[in-house]
Amino acid sequence: MNILYMSTMNVEELIKRLQSVKDKTLPVRVIEEEDNDDPNYWLKPTSSFEVSNTGENGYEVCGEVRLIGKE
């Protein structure tokens, strides 16, 4: 298992954190760890979520979930 995989949040951890949010109607904004006045990226209800499962082409060792923000 590589270091990147071990140091990133997984789906289960993300769900737990999101479940702790009281107002489930809040929008989700994507930011970089360091805010440099870059554009705001928001998760839209459609086309903001992609999954590549472990074993699929290009993801033979480790799959991933991608949250895609749009300005």
N, C-alpha and C. Protein backbone atom coordinates (compact mmCIF):
# COMPACT_ATOMS: atom_id res chain seq x y z
N MET A 1 0.85 -1.18 0.00
CA MET A 1 0.00 0.00 0.00
C MET A 1 0.89 1.24 0.00
N ASN A 2 0.58 2.21 -0.85
CA ASN A 2 1.45 3.38 -0.94
C ASN A 2 1.10 4.43 0.11
N ILE A 3 2.01 5.36 0.33
CA ILE A 3 1.85 6.39 1.35
C ILE A 3 0.65 7.29 1.07
N LEU A 4 0.43 7.67 -0.20
CA LEU A 4 -0.69 8.55 -0.55
C LEU A 4 -2.00 7.92 -0.11
N TYR A 5 -2.19 6.65 -0.38
CA TYR A 5 -3.44 5.98 -0.02
C TYR A 5 -3.63 5.98 1.49
N MET A 6 -2.55 5.75 2.23
CA MET A 6 -2.65 5.68 3.68
C MET A 6 -2.93 7.04 4.32
N SER A 7 -2.58 8.14 3.64
CA SER A 7 -2.71 9.46 4.24
C SER A 7 -3.92 10.24 3.73
N THR A 8 -4.80 9.61 2.98
CA THR A 8 -5.97 10.31 2.45
C THR A 8 -7.24 9.83 3.13
N MET A 9 -8.27 10.65 3.08
CA MET A 9 -9.56 10.30 3.67
C MET A 9 -10.23 9.25 2.80
N ASN A 10 -10.91 8.30 3.42
CA ASN A 10 -11.67 7.32 2.65
C ASN A 10 -13.16 7.66 2.70
N VAL A 11 -13.96 6.94 1.94
CA VAL A 11 -15.39 7.21 1.83
C VAL A 11 -16.07 7.11 3.19
N GLU A 12 -15.73 6.09 3.96
CA GLU A 12 -16.36 5.90 5.27
C GLU A 12 -16.10 7.11 6.18
N GLU A 13 -14.86 7.61 6.20
CA GLU A 13 -14.53 8.77 7.02
C GLU A 13 -15.27 10.02 6.54
N LEU A 14 -15.37 10.20 5.22
CA LEU A 14 -16.08 11.34 4.66
C LEU A 14 -17.56 11.30 5.05
N ILE A 15 -18.17 10.15 4.95
CA ILE A 15 -19.59 10.01 5.32
C ILE A 15 -19.79 10.35 6.78
N LYS A 16 -18.93 9.86 7.65
CA LYS A 16 -19.05 10.17 9.08
C LYS A 16 -18.98 11.67 9.33
N ARG A 17 -18.05 12.34 8.67
CA ARG A 17 -17.92 13.79 8.86
C ARG A 17 -19.14 14.52 8.32
N LEU A 18 -19.63 14.10 7.15
CA LEU A 18 -20.79 14.76 6.58
C LEU A 18 -22.05 14.52 7.42
N GLN A 19 -22.15 13.36 8.05
CA GLN A 19 -23.32 13.07 8.88
C GLN A 19 -23.36 13.98 10.11
N SER A 20 -22.21 14.50 10.52
CA SER A 20 -22.18 15.37 11.70
C SER A 20 -22.65 16.79 11.39
N VAL A 21 -22.82 17.12 10.10
CA VAL A 21 -23.30 18.45 9.72
C VAL A 21 -24.80 18.51 9.98
N LYS A 22 -25.22 19.49 10.79
CA LYS A 22 -26.64 19.58 11.14
C LYS A 22 -27.52 19.96 9.95
N ASP A 23 -27.13 20.99 9.22
CA ASP A 23 -27.93 21.48 8.09
C ASP A 23 -27.49 20.76 6.82
N LYS A 24 -28.21 19.75 6.42
CA LYS A 24 -27.86 18.92 5.26
C LYS A 24 -28.15 19.62 3.94
N THR A 25 -28.69 20.85 3.97
CA THR A 25 -28.98 21.58 2.74
C THR A 25 -27.85 22.53 2.35
N LEU A 26 -26.80 22.60 3.14
CA LEU A 26 -25.68 23.50 2.84
C LEU A 26 -24.98 23.08 1.55
N PRO A 27 -24.54 24.04 0.72
CA PRO A 27 -23.76 23.69 -0.47
C PRO A 27 -22.36 23.25 -0.07
N VAL A 28 -21.69 22.53 -0.95
CA VAL A 28 -20.33 22.05 -0.69
C VAL A 28 -19.37 22.79 -1.61
N ARG A 29 -18.37 23.45 -1.01
CA ARG A 29 -17.36 24.18 -1.77
C ARG A 29 -16.05 23.44 -1.67
N VAL A 30 -15.32 23.39 -2.77
CA VAL A 30 -14.02 22.73 -2.82
C VAL A 30 -12.94 23.80 -2.79
N ILE A 31 -12.02 23.70 -1.83
CA ILE A 31 -10.92 24.66 -1.75
C ILE A 31 -9.61 23.90 -1.59
N GLU A 32 -8.53 24.58 -1.92
CA GLU A 32 -7.21 24.02 -1.68
C GLU A 32 -6.84 24.30 -0.23
N GLU A 33 -5.89 23.54 0.29
CA GLU A 33 -5.49 23.71 1.68
C GLU A 33 -5.05 25.15 1.95
N GLU A 34 -4.38 25.75 0.99
CA GLU A 34 -3.95 27.14 1.09
C GLU A 34 -4.81 27.97 0.15
N ASP A 35 -5.59 28.90 0.67
CA ASP A 35 -6.46 29.72 -0.16
C ASP A 35 -5.67 30.89 -0.72
N ASN A 36 -5.49 30.92 -2.05
CA ASN A 36 -4.75 31.98 -2.72
C ASN A 36 -5.67 32.84 -3.57
N ASP A 37 -6.89 33.08 -3.07
CA ASP A 37 -7.90 33.84 -3.82
C ASP A 37 -8.20 33.20 -5.17
N ASP A 38 -8.08 31.87 -5.23
CA ASP A 38 -8.46 31.14 -6.44
C ASP A 38 -9.98 31.16 -6.57
N PRO A 39 -10.51 30.78 -7.72
CA PRO A 39 -11.97 30.76 -7.86
C PRO A 39 -12.61 29.79 -6.87
N ASN A 40 -13.87 30.01 -6.55
CA ASN A 40 -14.62 29.08 -5.73
C ASN A 40 -15.11 27.94 -6.60
N TYR A 41 -14.93 26.72 -6.15
CA TYR A 41 -15.44 25.55 -6.85
C TYR A 41 -16.49 24.90 -5.97
N TRP A 42 -17.66 24.63 -6.57
CA TRP A 42 -18.79 24.07 -5.85
C TRP A 42 -19.11 22.70 -6.40
N LEU A 43 -19.58 21.81 -5.53
CA LEU A 43 -20.04 20.50 -5.99
C LEU A 43 -21.49 20.65 -6.44
N LYS A 44 -21.75 20.26 -7.66
CA LYS A 44 -23.10 20.33 -8.23
C LYS A 44 -23.79 18.98 -8.04
N PRO A 45 -25.14 18.98 -7.97
CA PRO A 45 -25.86 17.72 -7.77
C PRO A 45 -25.61 16.68 -8.87
N THR A 46 -25.29 17.14 -10.08
CA THR A 46 -24.99 16.21 -11.16
C THR A 46 -23.56 16.42 -11.61
N SER A 47 -22.93 15.39 -12.04
CA SER A 47 -21.58 15.38 -12.60
C SER A 47 -20.49 15.89 -11.66
N SER A 48 -20.71 15.78 -10.35
CA SER A 48 -19.69 16.19 -9.39
C SER A 48 -19.01 14.99 -8.74
N PHE A 49 -19.37 13.79 -9.15
CA PHE A 49 -18.97 12.59 -8.44
C PHE A 49 -18.61 11.50 -9.43
N GLU A 50 -17.41 10.97 -9.31
CA GLU A 50 -16.98 9.86 -10.16
C GLU A 50 -16.32 8.79 -9.31
N VAL A 51 -16.44 7.54 -9.72
CA VAL A 51 -15.83 6.43 -9.00
C VAL A 51 -15.08 5.55 -9.97
N SER A 52 -13.87 5.17 -9.59
CA SER A 52 -13.11 4.12 -10.28
C SER A 52 -12.82 3.05 -9.24
N ASN A 53 -13.37 1.88 -9.45
CA ASN A 53 -13.21 0.80 -8.48
C ASN A 53 -11.86 0.10 -8.62
N THR A 54 -11.35 -0.40 -7.51
CA THR A 54 -10.12 -1.18 -7.53
C THR A 54 -10.29 -2.33 -8.50
N GLY A 55 -9.29 -2.51 -9.36
CA GLY A 55 -9.32 -3.58 -10.35
C GLY A 55 -9.68 -3.10 -11.73
N GLU A 56 -10.29 -1.91 -11.83
CA GLU A 56 -10.61 -1.36 -13.15
C GLU A 56 -9.34 -0.89 -13.84
N ASN A 57 -9.43 -0.76 -15.15
CA ASN A 57 -8.29 -0.33 -15.95
C ASN A 57 -7.74 1.00 -15.42
N GLY A 58 -6.45 1.02 -15.10
CA GLY A 58 -5.81 2.20 -14.55
C GLY A 58 -5.91 2.29 -13.04
N TYR A 59 -6.72 1.45 -12.44
CA TYR A 59 -6.92 1.44 -10.99
C TYR A 59 -6.79 0.02 -10.44
N GLU A 60 -5.86 -0.73 -11.02
CA GLU A 60 -5.69 -2.13 -10.65
C GLU A 60 -5.34 -2.30 -9.17
N VAL A 61 -4.56 -1.39 -8.63
CA VAL A 61 -4.07 -1.51 -7.25
C VAL A 61 -5.01 -0.82 -6.26
N CYS A 62 -5.53 0.33 -6.64
CA CYS A 62 -6.35 1.12 -5.71
C CYS A 62 -7.33 1.98 -6.49
N GLY A 63 -8.61 1.84 -6.19
CA GLY A 63 -9.63 2.68 -6.80
C GLY A 63 -9.67 4.03 -6.12
N GLU A 64 -10.60 4.88 -6.58
CA GLU A 64 -10.74 6.20 -5.95
C GLU A 64 -12.11 6.78 -6.23
N VAL A 65 -12.51 7.72 -5.39
CA VAL A 65 -13.71 8.51 -5.58
C VAL A 65 -13.24 9.93 -5.87
N ARG A 66 -13.81 10.56 -6.90
CA ARG A 66 -13.44 11.93 -7.25
C ARG A 66 -14.64 12.85 -7.08
N LEU A 67 -14.45 13.92 -6.33
CA LEU A 67 -15.45 14.97 -6.19
C LEU A 67 -14.98 16.10 -7.11
N ILE A 68 -15.80 16.48 -8.08
CA ILE A 68 -15.39 17.43 -9.11
C ILE A 68 -16.12 18.75 -8.92
N GLY A 69 -15.36 19.79 -8.62
CA GLY A 69 -15.95 21.10 -8.40
C GLY A 69 -16.04 21.90 -9.68
N LYS A 70 -17.05 22.77 -9.75
CA LYS A 70 -17.20 23.68 -10.90
C LYS A 70 -17.35 25.09 -10.36
N GLU A 71 -16.81 26.04 -11.12
CA GLU A 71 -16.87 27.44 -10.72
C GLU A 71 -18.27 27.99 -10.89
